[in-house]
Amino acid sequence: MLHKLVTFPIDMVIKVGEKVKEEADKELYDLPTIQQKLIQLQMMYELEEIPEDVYKDKEEELITRYEIAKRREMEQWEEMTKKKE
């Protein structure tokens, strides 16, 4: 009982930290989210809401994140197929 009272605050901090990391990863490396942001970025550029240099910088960043996300997805698929064998 005493152990639970002592470790509870630490356990909660760890759980909150894991949730924050999960949400950050989703925002940074979720393929549909990145695709949506690319579409929004292109629309903003076409409507002349942002200059070309801003568009190109942001596009490059999003494409890099997309490539990382795609690589992570492939690694997860490889891990899942190895487990099934």
Protein backbone atom coordinates (compact mmCIF):
# COMPACT_ATOMS: atom_id res chain seq x y z
CA MET A 1 0.00 0.00 0.00
CA LEU A 2 2.77 2.42 0.94
CA HIS A 3 4.58 1.56 -2.30
CA LYS A 4 1.52 2.61 -4.33
CA LEU A 5 1.25 5.91 -2.48
CA VAL A 6 4.90 6.71 -3.12
CA THR A 7 5.02 5.65 -6.79
CA PHE A 8 1.61 7.00 -7.84
CA PRO A 9 2.81 10.56 -8.62
CA ILE A 10 5.75 9.18 -10.61
CA ASP A 11 3.52 6.75 -12.49
CA MET A 12 1.12 9.56 -13.39
CA VAL A 13 3.95 11.75 -14.69
CA ILE A 14 5.22 8.85 -16.81
CA LYS A 15 1.74 8.18 -18.23
CA VAL A 16 1.20 11.86 -19.03
CA GLY A 17 4.63 12.02 -20.67
CA GLU A 18 3.87 8.96 -22.78
CA LYS A 19 0.55 10.48 -23.87
CA VAL A 20 2.22 13.78 -24.79
CA LYS A 21 4.86 11.91 -26.82
CA GLU A 22 2.16 9.87 -28.55
CA GLU A 23 0.22 13.00 -29.51
CA ALA A 24 3.38 14.78 -30.66
CA ASP A 25 4.37 11.79 -32.80
CA LYS A 26 0.89 11.71 -34.26
CA GLU A 27 1.10 15.39 -35.15
CA LEU A 28 4.59 15.07 -36.58
CA TYR A 29 4.46 11.67 -38.27
CA ASP A 30 0.82 10.82 -39.00
CA LEU A 31 0.59 10.33 -42.78
CA PRO A 32 -2.97 11.65 -43.23
CA THR A 33 -2.17 14.70 -41.08
CA ILE A 34 0.92 15.46 -43.15
CA GLN A 35 -0.99 15.01 -46.40
CA GLN A 36 -3.69 17.38 -45.17
CA LYS A 37 -1.09 19.97 -44.19
CA LEU A 38 0.53 19.70 -47.63
CA ILE A 39 -2.84 20.33 -49.28
CA GLN A 40 -3.55 23.30 -47.02
CA LEU A 41 -0.08 24.70 -47.70
CA GLN A 42 -0.55 24.42 -51.45
CA MET A 43 -3.95 26.11 -51.24
CA MET A 44 -2.49 28.96 -49.19
CA TYR A 45 0.25 29.42 -51.78
CA GLU A 46 -2.14 29.30 -54.73
CA LEU A 47 -4.39 31.86 -53.04
CA GLU A 48 -1.28 34.01 -52.50
CA GLU A 49 -1.69 33.94 -48.74
CA ILE A 50 1.98 33.01 -48.31
CA PRO A 51 5.05 33.88 -50.39
CA GLU A 52 6.90 31.29 -52.47
CA ASP A 53 9.94 31.08 -50.17
CA VAL A 54 7.73 30.29 -47.15
CA TYR A 55 5.83 27.75 -49.22
CA LYS A 56 9.00 25.98 -50.38
CA ASP A 57 10.51 25.87 -46.87
CA LYS A 58 7.35 24.48 -45.30
CA GLU A 59 6.81 22.05 -48.17
CA GLU A 60 10.35 20.69 -47.76
CA GLU A 61 9.77 20.23 -44.02
CA LEU A 62 6.48 18.41 -44.58
CA ILE A 63 7.94 16.15 -47.27
CA THR A 64 10.81 15.22 -44.96
CA ARG A 65 8.30 14.37 -42.20
CA TYR A 66 6.27 12.37 -44.72
CA GLU A 67 9.34 10.35 -45.72
CA ILE A 68 10.17 9.64 -42.08
CA ALA A 69 6.57 8.63 -41.37
CA LYS A 70 6.52 6.33 -44.40
CA ARG A 71 9.80 4.74 -43.30
CA ARG A 72 8.40 4.18 -39.79
CA GLU A 73 5.27 2.63 -41.26
CA MET A 74 7.35 0.23 -43.35
CA GLU A 75 9.44 -0.72 -40.31
CA GLN A 76 6.27 -1.45 -38.33
CA TRP A 77 4.96 -3.66 -41.15
CA GLU A 78 8.26 -5.53 -41.27
CA GLU A 79 8.17 -6.09 -37.51
CA MET A 80 4.57 -7.34 -37.69
CA THR A 81 5.34 -9.77 -40.51
CA LYS A 82 8.39 -11.11 -38.66
CA LYS A 83 6.27 -11.77 -35.58
CA LYS A 84 3.74 -13.73 -37.61
CA GLU A 85 6.43 -16.02 -39.03
